[in-house]
PDB file of N, CA and C in Angstrom:
ATOM      1  N   MET A   1     110.383 111.998  99.289  1.00  0.00           N
ATOM      2  CA  MET A   1     109.014 111.756  99.672  1.00  0.00           C
ATOM      3  C   MET A   1     108.880 111.840 101.187  1.00  0.00           C
ATOM      4  N   GLY A   2     107.694 112.178 101.611  1.00  0.00           N
ATOM      5  CA  GLY A   2     107.510 112.466 103.017  1.00  0.00           C
ATOM      6  C   GLY A   2     106.845 111.377 103.829  1.00  0.00           C
ATOM      7  N   GLU A   3     105.602 111.605 104.131  1.00  0.00           N
ATOM      8  CA  GLU A   3     104.856 110.826 105.107  1.00  0.00           C
ATOM      9  C   GLU A   3     104.630 109.366 104.705  1.00  0.00           C
ATOM     10  N   TYR A   4     104.507 109.093 103.421  1.00  0.00           N
ATOM     11  CA  TYR A   4     104.168 107.758 102.949  1.00  0.00           C
ATOM     12  C   TYR A   4     105.388 107.081 102.329  1.00  0.00           C
ATOM     13  N   SER A   5     105.584 105.809 102.664  1.00  0.00           N
ATOM     14  CA  SER A   5     106.735 105.068 102.142  1.00  0.00           C
ATOM     15  C   SER A   5     106.544 104.794 100.648  1.00  0.00           C
ATOM     16  N   GLU A   6     107.642 104.492  99.990  1.00  0.00           N
ATOM     17  CA  GLU A   6     107.583 104.143  98.573  1.00  0.00           C
ATOM     18  C   GLU A   6     106.680 102.918  98.380  1.00  0.00           C
ATOM     19  N   GLU A   7     106.787 101.955  99.268  1.00  0.00           N
ATOM     20  CA  GLU A   7     105.958 100.747  99.219  1.00  0.00           C
ATOM     21  C   GLU A   7     104.465 101.102  99.307  1.00  0.00           C
ATOM     22  N   CYS A   8     104.145 102.028 100.173  1.00  0.00           N
ATOM     23  CA  CYS A   8     102.773 102.480 100.360  1.00  0.00           C
ATOM     24  C   CYS A   8     102.256 103.153  99.088  1.00  0.00           C
ATOM     25  N   LEU A   9     103.040 104.038  98.521  1.00  0.00           N
ATOM     26  CA  LEU A   9     102.642 104.759  97.312  1.00  0.00           C
ATOM     27  C   LEU A   9     102.467 103.819  96.125  1.00  0.00           C
ATOM     28  N   LEU A  10     103.393 102.880  95.975  1.00  0.00           N
ATOM     29  CA  LEU A  10     103.295 101.915  94.880  1.00  0.00           C
ATOM     30  C   LEU A  10     102.059 101.037  95.027  1.00  0.00           C
ATOM     31  N   THR A  11     101.768 100.616  96.250  1.00  0.00           N
ATOM     32  CA  THR A  11     100.588  99.799  96.501  1.00  0.00           C
ATOM     33  C   THR A  11      99.323 100.577  96.157  1.00  0.00           C
ATOM     34  N   PHE A  12      99.263 101.837  96.576  1.00  0.00           N
ATOM     35  CA  PHE A  12      98.095 102.650  96.260  1.00  0.00           C
ATOM     36  C   PHE A  12      97.933 102.823  94.750  1.00  0.00           C
ATOM     37  N   LEU A  13      99.023 103.126  94.050  1.00  0.00           N
ATOM     38  CA  LEU A  13      98.946 103.288  92.599  1.00  0.00           C
ATOM     39  C   LEU A  13      98.427 102.021  91.925  1.00  0.00           C
ATOM     40  N   GLU A  14      98.912 100.889  92.387  1.00  0.00           N
ATOM     41  CA  GLU A  14      98.551  99.605  91.801  1.00  0.00           C
ATOM     42  C   GLU A  14      97.100  99.212  92.094  1.00  0.00           C
ATOM     43  N   LYS A  15      96.610  99.558  93.296  1.00  0.00           N
ATOM     44  CA  LYS A  15      95.303  99.059  93.736  1.00  0.00           C
ATOM     45  C   LYS A  15      94.224 100.143  93.860  1.00  0.00           C
ATOM     46  N   GLN A  16      94.491 101.348  93.376  1.00  0.00           N
ATOM     47  CA  GLN A  16      93.534 102.444  93.563  1.00  0.00           C
ATOM     48  C   GLN A  16      92.167 102.150  92.967  1.00  0.00           C
ATOM     49  N   SER A  17      92.089 101.257  91.999  1.00  0.00           N
ATOM     50  CA  SER A  17      90.800 100.941  91.381  1.00  0.00           C
ATOM     51  C   SER A  17      89.862 100.183  92.319  1.00  0.00           C
ATOM     52  N   GLN A  18      90.376  99.666  93.445  1.00  0.00           N
ATOM     53  CA  GLN A  18      89.474  99.007  94.396  1.00  0.00           C
ATOM     54  C   GLN A  18      88.583 100.030  95.096  1.00  0.00           C
ATOM     55  N   LEU A  19      88.974 101.293  95.081  1.00  0.00           N
ATOM     56  CA  LEU A  19      88.203 102.345  95.745  1.00  0.00           C
ATOM     57  C   LEU A  19      87.610 103.350  94.750  1.00  0.00           C
ATOM     58  N   PHE A  20      88.305 103.588  93.654  1.00  0.00           N
ATOM     59  CA  PHE A  20      87.886 104.612  92.700  1.00  0.00           C
ATOM     60  C   PHE A  20      87.616 104.008  91.324  1.00  0.00           C
ATOM     61  N   ASP A  21      86.589 104.521  90.642  1.00  0.00           N
ATOM     62  CA  ASP A  21      86.244 104.036  89.305  1.00  0.00           C
ATOM     63  C   ASP A  21      87.288 104.433  88.265  1.00  0.00           C
ATOM     64  N   GLU A  22      87.903 105.598  88.466  1.00  0.00           N
ATOM     65  CA  GLU A  22      88.926 106.079  87.554  1.00  0.00           C
ATOM     66  C   GLU A  22      90.183 106.388  88.352  1.00  0.00           C
ATOM     67  N   PRO A  23      91.349 106.273  87.737  1.00  0.00           N
ATOM     68  CA  PRO A  23      92.595 106.570  88.466  1.00  0.00           C
ATOM     69  C   PRO A  23      92.600 108.004  89.004  1.00  0.00           C
ATOM     70  N   VAL A  24      93.075 108.155  90.230  1.00  0.00           N
ATOM     71  CA  VAL A  24      93.199 109.482  90.831  1.00  0.00           C
ATOM     72  C   VAL A  24      94.650 109.942  90.850  1.00  0.00           C
ATOM     73  N   ALA A  25      95.566 109.015  90.538  1.00  0.00           N
ATOM     74  CA  ALA A  25      96.990 109.344  90.513  1.00  0.00           C
ATOM     75  C   ALA A  25      97.688 108.449  89.492  1.00  0.00           C
ATOM     76  N   GLY A  26      98.671 109.019  88.819  1.00  0.00           N
ATOM     77  CA  GLY A  26      99.419 108.251  87.831  1.00  0.00           C
ATOM     78  C   GLY A  26     100.893 108.122  88.143  1.00  0.00           C
ATOM     79  N   THR A  27     101.371 108.952  89.068  1.00  0.00           N
ATOM     80  CA  THR A  27     102.779 108.923  89.445  1.00  0.00           C
ATOM     81  C   THR A  27     102.885 108.848  90.968  1.00  0.00           C
ATOM     82  N   MET A  28     104.086 108.560  91.432  1.00  0.00           N
ATOM     83  CA  MET A  28     104.317 108.505  92.882  1.00  0.00           C
ATOM     84  C   MET A  28     104.013 109.866  93.520  1.00  0.00           C
ATOM     85  N   GLU A  29     104.417 110.941  92.847  1.00  0.00           N
ATOM     86  CA  GLU A  29     104.188 112.285  93.381  1.00  0.00           C
ATOM     87  C   GLU A  29     102.698 112.592  93.473  1.00  0.00           C
ATOM     88  N   GLU A  30     101.946 112.221  92.425  1.00  0.00           N
ATOM     89  CA  GLU A  30     100.496 112.435  92.442  1.00  0.00           C
ATOM     90  C   GLU A  30      99.833 111.595  93.530  1.00  0.00           C
ATOM     91  N   ALA A  31     100.307 110.364  93.695  1.00  0.00           N
ATOM     92  CA  ALA A  31      99.752 109.490  94.743  1.00  0.00           C
ATOM     93  C   ALA A  31      99.995 110.090  96.114  1.00  0.00           C
ATOM     94  N   GLU A  32     101.205 110.578  96.350  1.00  0.00           N
ATOM     95  CA  GLU A  32     101.517 111.171  97.645  1.00  0.00           C
ATOM     96  C   GLU A  32     100.665 112.417  97.894  1.00  0.00           C
ATOM     97  N   ALA A  33     100.527 113.262  96.891  1.00  0.00           N
ATOM     98  CA  ALA A  33      99.716 114.476  97.040  1.00  0.00           C
ATOM     99  C   ALA A  33      98.262 114.106  97.317  1.00  0.00           C
ATOM    100  N   PHE A  34      97.746 113.115  96.610  1.00  0.00           N
ATOM    101  CA  PHE A  34      96.361 112.698  96.816  1.00  0.00           C
ATOM    102  C   PHE A  34      96.166 112.154  98.230  1.00  0.00           C
ATOM    103  N   LEU A  35      97.062 111.276  98.662  1.00  0.00           N
ATOM    104  CA  LEU A  35      96.932 110.688 100.001  1.00  0.00           C
ATOM    105  C   LEU A  35      97.032 111.762 101.084  1.00  0.00           C
ATOM    106  N   GLU A  36      97.912 112.736 100.881  1.00  0.00           N
ATOM    107  CA  GLU A  36      98.012 113.843 101.842  1.00  0.00           C
ATOM    108  C   GLU A  36      96.727 114.657 101.868  1.00  0.00           C
ATOM    109  N   ASP A  37      96.178 114.935 100.679  1.00  0.00           N
ATOM    110  CA  ASP A  37      94.948 115.741 100.584  1.00  0.00           C
ATOM    111  C   ASP A  37      93.774 115.077 101.294  1.00  0.00           C
ATOM    112  N   CYS A  38      93.668 113.753 101.180  1.00  0.00           N
ATOM    113  CA  CYS A  38      92.529 113.081 101.810  1.00  0.00           C
ATOM    114  C   CYS A  38      92.898 112.536 103.198  1.00  0.00           C
ATOM    115  N   MET A  39      94.057 112.921 103.683  1.00  0.00           N
ATOM    116  CA  MET A  39      94.515 112.566 105.032  1.00  0.00           C
ATOM    117  C   MET A  39      94.475 111.057 105.277  1.00  0.00           C
ATOM    118  N   ALA A  40      94.962 110.298 104.307  1.00  0.00           N
ATOM    119  CA  ALA A  40      95.059 108.851 104.447  1.00  0.00           C
ATOM    120  C   ALA A  40      96.030 108.521 105.579  1.00  0.00           C
ATOM    121  N   VAL A  41      95.775 107.408 106.248  1.00  0.00           N
ATOM    122  CA  VAL A  41      96.626 107.007 107.362  1.00  0.00           C
ATOM    123  C   VAL A  41      97.159 105.595 107.149  1.00  0.00           C
ATOM    124  N   VAL A  42      98.320 105.340 107.749  1.00  0.00           N
ATOM    125  CA  VAL A  42      98.911 104.010 107.751  1.00  0.00           C
ATOM    126  C   VAL A  42      98.879 103.517 109.191  1.00  0.00           C
ATOM    127  N   VAL A  43      98.348 102.309 109.384  1.00  0.00           N
ATOM    128  CA  VAL A  43      98.282 101.718 110.720  1.00  0.00           C
ATOM    129  C   VAL A  43      98.945 100.343 110.680  1.00  0.00           C
ATOM    130  N   ASP A  44      99.243  99.820 111.874  1.00  0.00           N
ATOM    131  CA  ASP A  44     100.037  98.592 111.956  1.00  0.00           C
ATOM    132  C   ASP A  44      99.245  97.299 111.907  1.00  0.00           C
ATOM    133  N   THR A  45      98.018  97.279 112.422  1.00  0.00           N
ATOM    134  CA  THR A  45      97.277  96.024 112.534  1.00  0.00           C
ATOM    135  C   THR A  45      95.826  96.196 112.102  1.00  0.00           C
ATOM    136  N   LEU A  46      95.140  95.077 111.897  1.00  0.00           N
ATOM    137  CA  LEU A  46      93.712  95.133 111.592  1.00  0.00           C
ATOM    138  C   LEU A  46      92.919  95.689 112.768  1.00  0.00           C
ATOM    139  N   ASP A  47      93.384  95.445 113.987  1.00  0.00           N
ATOM    140  CA  ASP A  47      92.724  96.043 115.151  1.00  0.00           C
ATOM    141  C   ASP A  47      92.801  97.563 115.081  1.00  0.00           C
ATOM    142  N   ASP A  48      93.949  98.074 114.616  1.00  0.00           N
ATOM    143  CA  ASP A  48      94.102  99.522 114.444  1.00  0.00           C
ATOM    144  C   ASP A  48      93.170 100.040 113.346  1.00  0.00           C
ATOM    145  N   VAL A  49      93.003  99.252 112.279  1.00  0.00           N
ATOM    146  CA  VAL A  49      92.084  99.633 111.202  1.00  0.00           C
ATOM    147  C   VAL A  49      90.673  99.740 111.768  1.00  0.00           C
ATOM    148  N   LYS A  50      90.269  98.714 112.512  1.00  0.00           N
ATOM    149  CA  LYS A  50      88.926  98.699 113.099  1.00  0.00           C
ATOM    150  C   LYS A  50      88.719  99.900 114.010  1.00  0.00           C
ATOM    151  N   GLU A  51      89.697 100.185 114.857  1.00  0.00           N
ATOM    152  CA  GLU A  51      89.612 101.327 115.775  1.00  0.00           C
ATOM    153  C   GLU A  51      89.496 102.637 115.003  1.00  0.00           C
ATOM    154  N   TYR A  52      90.299 102.796 113.957  1.00  0.00           N
ATOM    155  CA  TYR A  52      90.260 104.015 113.152  1.00  0.00           C
ATOM    156  C   TYR A  52      88.881 104.191 112.513  1.00  0.00           C
ATOM    157  N   LEU A  53      88.363 103.122 111.921  1.00  0.00           N
ATOM    158  CA  LEU A  53      87.061 103.212 111.259  1.00  0.00           C
ATOM    159  C   LEU A  53      85.959 103.550 112.264  1.00  0.00           C
ATOM    160  N   GLU A  54      86.001 102.923 113.435  1.00  0.00           N
ATOM    161  CA  GLU A  54      85.008 103.215 114.478  1.00  0.00           C
ATOM    162  C   GLU A  54      85.093 104.671 114.923  1.00  0.00           C
ATOM    163  N   GLU A  55      86.313 105.173 115.109  1.00  0.00           N
ATOM    164  CA  GLU A  55      86.506 106.564 115.532  1.00  0.00           C
ATOM    165  C   GLU A  55      85.988 107.555 114.490  1.00  0.00           C
ATOM    166  N   ASN A  56      85.901 107.093 113.240  1.00  0.00           N
ATOM    167  CA  ASN A  56      85.435 107.962 112.162  1.00  0.00           C
ATOM    168  C   ASN A  56      83.995 107.683 111.770  1.00  0.00           C
ATOM    169  N   GLY A  57      83.254 107.048 112.678  1.00  0.00           N
ATOM    170  CA  GLY A  57      81.816 106.894 112.509  1.00  0.00           C
ATOM    171  C   GLY A  57      81.354 105.762 111.621  1.00  0.00           C
ATOM    172  N   ILE A  58      82.238 104.833 111.324  1.00  0.00           N
ATOM    173  CA  ILE A  58      81.850 103.699 110.489  1.00  0.00           C
ATOM    174  C   ILE A  58      81.564 102.510 111.400  1.00  0.00           C
ATOM    175  N   ASP A  59      80.368 101.947 111.274  1.00  0.00           N
ATOM    176  CA  ASP A  59      79.973 100.819 112.118  1.00  0.00           C
ATOM    177  C   ASP A  59      80.582  99.535 111.568  1.00  0.00           C
ATOM    178  N   VAL A  60      81.572  99.022 112.273  1.00  0.00           N
ATOM    179  CA  VAL A  60      82.231  97.784 111.861  1.00  0.00           C
ATOM    180  C   VAL A  60      81.990  96.665 112.874  1.00  0.00           C
ATOM    181  N   SER A  61      81.059  96.896 113.800  1.00  0.00           N
ATOM    182  CA  SER A  61      80.829  95.939 114.878  1.00  0.00           C
ATOM    183  C   SER A  61      80.413  94.561 114.379  1.00  0.00           C
ATOM    184  N   SER A  62      79.722  94.510 113.247  1.00  0.00           N
ATOM    185  CA  SER A  62      79.269  93.220 112.735  1.00  0.00           C
ATOM    186  C   SER A  62      80.234  92.626 111.707  1.00  0.00           C
ATOM    187  N   MET A  63      81.356  93.312 111.470  1.00  0.00           N
ATOM    188  CA  MET A  63      82.315  92.857 110.468  1.00  0.00           C
ATOM    189  C   MET A  63      83.428  92.047 111.108  1.00  0.00           C
ATOM    190  N   GLY A  64      83.788  90.945 110.468  1.00  0.00           N
ATOM    191  CA  GLY A  64      84.942  90.169 110.891  1.00  0.00           C
ATOM    192  C   GLY A  64      86.215  90.787 110.343  1.00  0.00           C
ATOM    193  N   LYS A  65      87.354  90.292 110.808  1.00  0.00           N
ATOM    194  CA  LYS A  65      88.637  90.850 110.350  1.00  0.00           C
ATOM    195  C   LYS A  65      88.819  90.714 108.842  1.00  0.00           C
ATOM    196  N   ASP A  66      88.357  89.595 108.279  1.00  0.00           N
ATOM    197  CA  ASP A  66      88.471  89.414 106.826  1.00  0.00           C
ATOM    198  C   ASP A  66      87.675  90.467 106.080  1.00  0.00           C
ATOM    199  N   GLU A  67      86.468  90.762 106.558  1.00  0.00           N
ATOM    200  CA  GLU A  67      85.625  91.766 105.913  1.00  0.00           C
ATOM    201  C   GLU A  67      86.243  93.151 106.030  1.00  0.00           C
ATOM    202  N   ILE A  68      86.821  93.451 107.192  1.00  0.00           N
ATOM    203  CA  ILE A  68      87.482  94.750 107.377  1.00  0.00           C
ATOM    204  C   ILE A  68      88.660  94.872 106.424  1.00  0.00           C
ATOM    205  N   GLU A  69      89.437  93.809 106.317  1.00  0.00           N
ATOM    206  CA  GLU A  69      90.611  93.833 105.446  1.00  0.00           C
ATOM    207  C   GLU A  69      90.213  93.978 103.979  1.00  0.00           C
ATOM    208  N   GLU A  70      89.032  93.486 103.606  1.00  0.00           N
ATOM    209  CA  GLU A  70      88.570  93.558 102.232  1.00  0.00           C
ATOM    210  C   GLU A  70      87.787  94.833 101.921  1.00  0.00           C
ATOM    211  N   ALA A  71      87.575  95.700 102.895  1.00  0.00           N
ATOM    212  CA  ALA A  71      86.860  96.952 102.663  1.00  0.00           C
ATOM    213  C   ALA A  71      87.595  97.762 101.604  1.00  0.00           C
ATOM    214  N   SER A  72      86.842  98.442 100.752  1.00  0.00           N
ATOM    215  CA  SER A  72      87.454  99.147  99.623  1.00  0.00           C
ATOM    216  C   SER A  72      88.431 100.239 100.044  1.00  0.00           C
ATOM    217  N   GLU A  73      88.228 100.812 101.240  1.00  0.00           N
ATOM    218  CA  GLU A  73      89.134 101.880 101.663  1.00  0.00           C
ATOM    219  C   GLU A  73      90.372 101.379 102.403  1.00  0.00           C
ATOM    220  N   VAL A  74      90.498 100.069 102.567  1.00  0.00           N
ATOM    221  CA  VAL A  74      91.631  99.476 103.280  1.00  0.00           C
ATOM    222  C   VAL A  74      92.551  98.792 102.277  1.00  0.00           C
ATOM    223  N   PHE A  75      93.799  99.240 102.258  1.00  0.00           N
ATOM    224  CA  PHE A  75      94.809  98.681 101.359  1.00  0.00           C
ATOM    225  C   PHE A  75      95.850  97.956 102.196  1.00  0.00           C
ATOM    226  N   SER A  76      95.974  96.661 101.971  1.00  0.00           N
ATOM    227  CA  SER A  76      96.962  95.858 102.684  1.00  0.00           C
ATOM    228  C   SER A  76      98.329  96.093 102.056  1.00  0.00           C
ATOM    229  N   LEU A  77      99.296  96.482 102.874  1.00  0.00           N
ATOM    230  CA  LEU A  77     100.642  96.761 102.377  1.00  0.00           C
ATOM    231  C   LEU A  77     101.522  95.521 102.517  1.00  0.00           C
ATOM    232  N   PRO A  78     102.510  95.360 101.630  1.00  0.00           N
ATOM    233  CA  PRO A  78     103.376  94.179 101.673  1.00  0.00           C
ATOM    234  C   PRO A  78     104.111  93.992 103.010  1.00  0.00           C
ATOM    235  N   ASN A  79     104.346  95.061 103.752  1.00  0.00           N
ATOM    236  CA  ASN A  79     105.078  94.950 105.017  1.00  0.00           C
ATOM    237  C   ASN A  79     104.174  94.572 106.191  1.00  0.00           C
ATOM    238  N   GLY A  80     102.884  94.322 105.911  1.00  0.00           N
ATOM    239  CA  GLY A  80     101.954  93.927 106.963  1.00  0.00           C
ATOM    240  C   GLY A  80     101.137  95.058 107.538  1.00  0.00           C
ATOM    241  N   GLN A  81     101.447  96.292 107.165  1.00  0.00           N
ATOM    242  CA  GLN A  81     100.680  97.429 107.617  1.00  0.00           C
ATOM    243  C   GLN A  81      99.469  97.626 106.704  1.00  0.00           C
ATOM    244  N   TYR A  82      98.654  98.622 107.042  1.00  0.00           N
ATOM    245  CA  TYR A  82      97.439  98.923 106.274  1.00  0.00           C
ATOM    246  C   TYR A  82      97.346 100.406 106.004  1.00  0.00           C
ATOM    247  N   LEU A  83      97.004 100.738 104.762  1.00  0.00           N
ATOM    248  CA  LEU A  83      96.737 102.115 104.357  1.00  0.00           C
ATOM    249  C   LEU A  83      95.227 102.280 104.323  1.00  0.00           C
ATOM    250  N   ILE A  84      94.718 103.324 104.975  1.00  0.00           N
ATOM    251  CA  ILE A  84      93.282 103.594 104.978  1.00  0.00           C
ATOM    252  C   ILE A  84      93.060 104.907 104.232  1.00  0.00           C
ATOM    253  N   VAL A  85      92.262 104.820 103.160  1.00  0.00           N
ATOM    254  CA  VAL A  85      91.993 105.968 102.304  1.00  0.00           C
ATOM    255  C   VAL A  85      90.483 106.171 102.275  1.00  0.00           C
ATOM    256  N   GLU A  86      90.039 107.309 102.741  1.00  0.00           N
ATOM    257  CA  GLU A  86      88.604 107.605 102.679  1.00  0.00           C
ATOM    258  C   GLU A  86      88.330 108.343 101.379  1.00  0.00           C
ATOM    259  N   GLY A  87      87.575 107.688 100.491  1.00  0.00           N
ATOM    260  CA  GLY A  87      87.272 108.247  99.179  1.00  0.00           C
ATOM    261  C   GLY A  87      86.160 109.164  99.288  1.00  0.00           C
TER     262      GLY A  87
END
């Protein structure tokens, strides 16, 4: 596997329903291909998540860190990082 860690792929497979009504991937390989196709990114902190969302035209100025972390496109990874998937 390439760009995304096994932990990242497993987390996405497990939690993909927070962003999508139907599963978009059923295997680790499908998850990796999907994340690559939609150019998902992994960042280290919630501040990085906020910066990424702002750079991509999403107004998060009125959102607190808890709200940002709970956004449907933000997946909290077990290692403390965050996966951002734009659906």
